[in-house]
Amino acid sequence: MISERKALESRTSTEEDRVPVLEAQLAQAKLIAEEADKKYEEVGYMRKVLENCSLSDEERMDALESQLKETRFLAEEADRKYDEVARNLAVVQDDLEHAETGQS
């Protein structure tokens, strides 16, 4: 029984010696966990910022595409009007030429 008691005392002493080491490791693990939590929050914030930027860029791109379609439509309309005016001018010039040759 005495040997069991000495063995238990020896084991208890060894375990008590390990307590400060384990407490230091626990404190270090807590610091690492706190840093990881901070990084997680920062990454989450940056993700939200990037998502908002992405949405903003998509909205701007949609607006620019709409403006491009409208500009193309207006350019095509202007080309059609130019062609019509050019045809009318050719007709008027032809009529003028016939009028001048008929009067001469």
N, C-alpha and C. Protein backbone atom coordinates (compact mmCIF):
# COMPACT_ATOMS: atom_id res chain seq x y z
N MET A 1 0.81 -1.19 0.00
CA MET A 1 0.00 0.00 0.00
C MET A 1 0.86 1.26 0.00
N ILE A 2 1.98 1.21 0.65
CA ILE A 2 2.88 2.36 0.69
C ILE A 2 3.45 2.61 -0.70
N SER A 3 3.76 1.57 -1.41
CA SER A 3 4.31 1.74 -2.75
C SER A 3 3.26 2.32 -3.69
N GLU A 4 2.01 1.92 -3.50
CA GLU A 4 0.94 2.50 -4.32
C GLU A 4 0.79 3.98 -4.01
N ARG A 5 0.89 4.30 -2.73
CA ARG A 5 0.76 5.70 -2.32
C ARG A 5 1.89 6.53 -2.91
N LYS A 6 3.11 6.02 -2.85
CA LYS A 6 4.27 6.74 -3.40
C LYS A 6 4.12 6.88 -4.91
N ALA A 7 3.60 5.87 -5.56
CA ALA A 7 3.40 5.92 -7.00
C ALA A 7 2.37 6.98 -7.35
N LEU A 8 1.29 7.02 -6.55
CA LEU A 8 0.26 8.04 -6.79
C LEU A 8 0.79 9.44 -6.51
N GLU A 9 1.57 9.60 -5.44
CA GLU A 9 2.16 10.91 -5.13
C GLU A 9 3.11 11.34 -6.24
N SER A 10 3.90 10.40 -6.73
CA SER A 10 4.83 10.70 -7.81
C SER A 10 4.06 11.11 -9.07
N ARG A 11 3.01 10.36 -9.38
CA ARG A 11 2.19 10.68 -10.55
C ARG A 11 1.52 12.03 -10.36
N THR A 12 0.99 12.31 -9.17
CA THR A 12 0.35 13.58 -8.88
C THR A 12 1.35 14.72 -9.04
N SER A 13 2.54 14.52 -8.55
CA SER A 13 3.59 15.55 -8.66
C SER A 13 3.90 15.82 -10.14
N THR A 14 4.01 14.75 -10.91
CA THR A 14 4.29 14.89 -12.34
C THR A 14 3.15 15.63 -13.04
N GLU A 15 1.92 15.27 -12.70
CA GLU A 15 0.76 15.94 -13.30
C GLU A 15 0.70 17.41 -12.89
N GLU A 16 1.03 17.70 -11.64
CA GLU A 16 1.03 19.09 -11.17
C GLU A 16 2.11 19.90 -11.89
N ASP A 17 3.23 19.25 -12.21
CA ASP A 17 4.29 19.94 -12.95
C ASP A 17 3.84 20.26 -14.38
N ARG A 18 2.97 19.42 -14.92
CA ARG A 18 2.49 19.63 -16.29
C ARG A 18 1.44 20.73 -16.38
N VAL A 19 0.77 21.05 -15.27
CA VAL A 19 -0.32 22.04 -15.27
C VAL A 19 0.14 23.38 -15.83
N PRO A 20 1.25 23.99 -15.39
CA PRO A 20 1.65 25.28 -15.96
C PRO A 20 1.91 25.20 -17.47
N VAL A 21 2.51 24.10 -17.91
CA VAL A 21 2.78 23.92 -19.34
C VAL A 21 1.46 23.85 -20.11
N LEU A 22 0.53 23.07 -19.59
CA LEU A 22 -0.76 22.93 -20.25
C LEU A 22 -1.54 24.25 -20.24
N GLU A 23 -1.44 25.00 -19.13
CA GLU A 23 -2.10 26.30 -19.07
C GLU A 23 -1.50 27.27 -20.09
N ALA A 24 -0.18 27.24 -20.24
CA ALA A 24 0.48 28.09 -21.24
C ALA A 24 0.04 27.70 -22.64
N GLN A 25 -0.06 26.41 -22.90
CA GLN A 25 -0.51 25.94 -24.21
C GLN A 25 -1.96 26.33 -24.46
N LEU A 26 -2.78 26.27 -23.41
CA LEU A 26 -4.18 26.68 -23.53
C LEU A 26 -4.28 28.17 -23.84
N ALA A 27 -3.47 28.97 -23.14
CA ALA A 27 -3.49 30.42 -23.39
C ALA A 27 -3.06 30.71 -24.81
N GLN A 28 -2.05 30.01 -25.30
CA GLN A 28 -1.58 30.21 -26.67
C GLN A 28 -2.65 29.79 -27.67
N ALA A 29 -3.33 28.69 -27.38
CA ALA A 29 -4.40 28.22 -28.27
C ALA A 29 -5.55 29.23 -28.31
N LYS A 30 -5.85 29.85 -27.16
CA LYS A 30 -6.90 30.87 -27.12
C LYS A 30 -6.51 32.07 -27.98
N LEU A 31 -5.24 32.50 -27.88
CA LEU A 31 -4.78 33.62 -28.71
C LEU A 31 -4.89 33.30 -30.19
N ILE A 32 -4.49 32.10 -30.55
CA ILE A 32 -4.58 31.69 -31.95
C ILE A 32 -6.03 31.67 -32.40
N ALA A 33 -6.93 31.19 -31.55
CA ALA A 33 -8.35 31.15 -31.89
C ALA A 33 -8.90 32.56 -32.03
N GLU A 34 -8.49 33.48 -31.16
CA GLU A 34 -8.96 34.87 -31.26
C GLU A 34 -8.47 35.50 -32.55
N GLU A 35 -7.21 35.26 -32.91
CA GLU A 35 -6.67 35.80 -34.17
C GLU A 35 -7.43 35.22 -35.36
N ALA A 36 -7.73 33.93 -35.29
CA ALA A 36 -8.48 33.29 -36.38
C ALA A 36 -9.87 33.89 -36.49
N ASP A 37 -10.51 34.17 -35.36
CA ASP A 37 -11.83 34.81 -35.38
C ASP A 37 -11.77 36.19 -36.02
N LYS A 38 -10.73 36.96 -35.67
CA LYS A 38 -10.57 38.29 -36.26
C LYS A 38 -10.38 38.19 -37.77
N LYS A 39 -9.53 37.26 -38.19
CA LYS A 39 -9.29 37.09 -39.63
C LYS A 39 -10.58 36.66 -40.34
N TYR A 40 -11.34 35.79 -39.69
CA TYR A 40 -12.60 35.34 -40.27
C TYR A 40 -13.55 36.52 -40.46
N GLU A 41 -13.63 37.38 -39.45
CA GLU A 41 -14.49 38.56 -39.55
C GLU A 41 -14.00 39.50 -40.65
N GLU A 42 -12.67 39.68 -40.75
CA GLU A 42 -12.11 40.55 -41.79
C GLU A 42 -12.41 39.99 -43.17
N VAL A 43 -12.24 38.69 -43.31
CA VAL A 43 -12.51 38.06 -44.61
C VAL A 43 -13.99 38.18 -44.96
N GLY A 44 -14.85 38.00 -43.98
CA GLY A 44 -16.29 38.15 -44.22
C GLY A 44 -16.63 39.56 -44.65
N TYR A 45 -16.02 40.54 -43.99
CA TYR A 45 -16.26 41.94 -44.35
C TYR A 45 -15.78 42.21 -45.78
N MET A 46 -14.57 41.74 -46.10
CA MET A 46 -14.03 41.96 -47.45
C MET A 46 -14.89 41.25 -48.50
N ARG A 47 -15.42 40.07 -48.15
CA ARG A 47 -16.29 39.36 -49.09
C ARG A 47 -17.53 40.19 -49.38
N LYS A 48 -18.10 40.78 -48.33
CA LYS A 48 -19.29 41.62 -48.53
C LYS A 48 -18.96 42.85 -49.37
N VAL A 49 -17.81 43.45 -49.10
CA VAL A 49 -17.39 44.62 -49.88
C VAL A 49 -17.25 44.24 -51.35
N LEU A 50 -16.57 43.11 -51.60
CA LEU A 50 -16.38 42.67 -52.98
C LEU A 50 -17.69 42.31 -53.66
N GLU A 51 -18.61 41.70 -52.91
CA GLU A 51 -19.92 41.39 -53.48
C GLU A 51 -20.65 42.67 -53.85
N ASN A 52 -20.59 43.67 -52.99
CA ASN A 52 -21.24 44.96 -53.29
C ASN A 52 -20.61 45.61 -54.50
N CYS A 53 -19.27 45.55 -54.59
CA CYS A 53 -18.59 46.11 -55.76
C CYS A 53 -19.00 45.37 -57.02
N SER A 54 -19.10 44.06 -56.91
CA SER A 54 -19.48 43.25 -58.05
C SER A 54 -20.90 43.60 -58.52
N LEU A 55 -21.81 43.74 -57.56
CA LEU A 55 -23.18 44.12 -57.92
C LEU A 55 -23.21 45.49 -58.56
N SER A 56 -22.44 46.40 -58.00
CA SER A 56 -22.38 47.76 -58.55
C SER A 56 -21.83 47.73 -59.97
N ASP A 57 -20.77 46.94 -60.17
CA ASP A 57 -20.19 46.82 -61.51
C ASP A 57 -21.18 46.20 -62.48
N GLU A 58 -21.92 45.20 -62.04
CA GLU A 58 -22.92 44.57 -62.91
C GLU A 58 -24.02 45.56 -63.29
N GLU A 59 -24.47 46.36 -62.32
CA GLU A 59 -25.49 47.36 -62.61
C GLU A 59 -24.96 48.39 -63.59
N ARG A 60 -23.71 48.82 -63.38
CA ARG A 60 -23.10 49.80 -64.29
C ARG A 60 -22.95 49.20 -65.68
N MET A 61 -22.54 47.93 -65.75
CA MET A 61 -22.38 47.27 -67.03
C MET A 61 -23.73 47.15 -67.75
N ASP A 62 -24.77 46.83 -67.00
CA ASP A 62 -26.11 46.76 -67.61
C ASP A 62 -26.52 48.12 -68.17
N ALA A 63 -26.25 49.19 -67.40
CA ALA A 63 -26.59 50.53 -67.86
C ALA A 63 -25.79 50.88 -69.12
N LEU A 64 -24.51 50.53 -69.14
CA LEU A 64 -23.68 50.82 -70.31
C LEU A 64 -24.15 50.02 -71.53
N GLU A 65 -24.53 48.78 -71.32
CA GLU A 65 -25.05 47.98 -72.43
C GLU A 65 -26.33 48.59 -72.98
N SER A 66 -27.17 49.08 -72.10
CA SER A 66 -28.41 49.74 -72.53
C SER A 66 -28.09 51.00 -73.33
N GLN A 67 -27.13 51.78 -72.84
CA GLN A 67 -26.73 53.00 -73.55
C GLN A 67 -26.14 52.65 -74.91
N LEU A 68 -25.37 51.56 -74.97
CA LEU A 68 -24.77 51.14 -76.23
C LEU A 68 -25.86 50.75 -77.24
N LYS A 69 -26.86 50.01 -76.78
CA LYS A 69 -27.97 49.63 -77.67
C LYS A 69 -28.67 50.88 -78.20
N GLU A 70 -28.93 51.83 -77.30
CA GLU A 70 -29.61 53.06 -77.71
C GLU A 70 -28.75 53.85 -78.70
N THR A 71 -27.46 53.93 -78.43
CA THR A 71 -26.55 54.66 -79.31
C THR A 71 -26.49 54.00 -80.68
N ARG A 72 -26.43 52.66 -80.70
CA ARG A 72 -26.43 51.95 -82.00
C ARG A 72 -27.71 52.22 -82.77
N PHE A 73 -28.83 52.18 -82.05
CA PHE A 73 -30.12 52.46 -82.69
C PHE A 73 -30.11 53.86 -83.29
N LEU A 74 -29.65 54.84 -82.51
CA LEU A 74 -29.61 56.22 -83.00
C LEU A 74 -28.66 56.37 -84.18
N ALA A 75 -27.53 55.67 -84.14
CA ALA A 75 -26.58 55.73 -85.26
C ALA A 75 -27.18 55.12 -86.52
N GLU A 76 -27.88 53.99 -86.36
CA GLU A 76 -28.53 53.38 -87.52
C GLU A 76 -29.62 54.28 -88.07
N GLU A 77 -30.37 54.91 -87.18
CA GLU A 77 -31.42 55.85 -87.61
C GLU A 77 -30.80 57.04 -88.35
N ALA A 78 -29.69 57.54 -87.83
CA ALA A 78 -29.01 58.66 -88.49
C ALA A 78 -28.50 58.24 -89.86
N ASP A 79 -27.97 57.02 -89.99
CA ASP A 79 -27.52 56.52 -91.29
C ASP A 79 -28.67 56.44 -92.28
N ARG A 80 -29.82 55.94 -91.81
CA ARG A 80 -30.99 55.84 -92.69
C ARG A 80 -31.42 57.24 -93.16
N LYS A 81 -31.45 58.19 -92.24
CA LYS A 81 -31.85 59.56 -92.60
C LYS A 81 -30.84 60.17 -93.57
N TYR A 82 -29.55 59.91 -93.32
CA TYR A 82 -28.52 60.42 -94.23
C TYR A 82 -28.71 59.86 -95.63
N ASP A 83 -28.94 58.54 -95.71
CA ASP A 83 -29.16 57.92 -97.01
C ASP A 83 -30.38 58.52 -97.71
N GLU A 84 -31.44 58.77 -96.94
CA GLU A 84 -32.66 59.35 -97.51
C GLU A 84 -32.38 60.77 -98.01
N VAL A 85 -31.67 61.54 -97.23
CA VAL A 85 -31.33 62.91 -97.64
C VAL A 85 -30.43 62.88 -98.86
N ALA A 86 -29.48 61.95 -98.88
CA ALA A 86 -28.57 61.85 -100.04
C ALA A 86 -29.37 61.50 -101.30
N ARG A 87 -30.35 60.57 -101.17
CA ARG A 87 -31.18 60.23 -102.33
C ARG A 87 -32.00 61.44 -102.79
N ASN A 88 -32.60 62.15 -101.82
CA ASN A 88 -33.39 63.33 -102.16
C ASN A 88 -32.52 64.39 -102.83
N LEU A 89 -31.29 64.55 -102.33
CA LEU A 89 -30.37 65.52 -102.93
C LEU A 89 -30.03 65.11 -104.36
N ALA A 90 -29.82 63.83 -104.57
CA ALA A 90 -29.50 63.35 -105.92
C ALA A 90 -30.68 63.62 -106.85
N VAL A 91 -31.90 63.40 -106.36
CA VAL A 91 -33.10 63.66 -107.17
C VAL A 91 -33.19 65.14 -107.49
N VAL A 92 -32.97 65.98 -106.48
CA VAL A 92 -33.05 67.43 -106.70
C VAL A 92 -31.97 67.88 -107.68
N GLN A 93 -30.76 67.34 -107.53
CA GLN A 93 -29.69 67.72 -108.46
C GLN A 93 -30.02 67.27 -109.88
N ASP A 94 -30.60 66.09 -109.99
CA ASP A 94 -30.98 65.58 -111.31
C ASP A 94 -32.08 66.46 -111.91
N ASP A 95 -33.06 66.83 -111.07
CA ASP A 95 -34.12 67.71 -111.54
C ASP A 95 -33.55 69.06 -111.97
N LEU A 96 -32.60 69.58 -111.20
CA LEU A 96 -31.97 70.86 -111.53
C LEU A 96 -31.21 70.76 -112.84
N GLU A 97 -30.54 69.64 -113.02
CA GLU A 97 -29.77 69.45 -114.25
C GLU A 97 -30.71 69.41 -115.45
N HIS A 98 -31.83 68.68 -115.31
CA HIS A 98 -32.81 68.61 -116.40
C HIS A 98 -33.43 69.97 -116.66
N ALA A 99 -33.67 70.72 -115.59
CA ALA A 99 -34.27 72.05 -115.73
C ALA A 99 -33.28 72.96 -116.45
N GLU A 100 -32.01 72.87 -116.08
CA GLU A 100 -31.02 73.75 -116.72
C GLU A 100 -30.82 73.38 -118.18
N THR A 101 -30.81 72.11 -118.50
CA THR A 101 -30.61 71.70 -119.89
C THR A 101 -31.86 71.97 -120.72
N GLY A 102 -32.99 71.95 -120.12
CA GLY A 102 -34.24 72.25 -120.83
C GLY A 102 -34.35 73.74 -121.11
N GLN A 103 -33.78 74.60 -120.29
CA GLN A 103 -33.86 76.04 -120.48
C GLN A 103 -32.79 76.54 -121.43
N SER A 104 -31.71 75.83 -121.57
CA SER A 104 -30.63 76.31 -122.41
C SER A 104 -30.91 76.21 -123.85
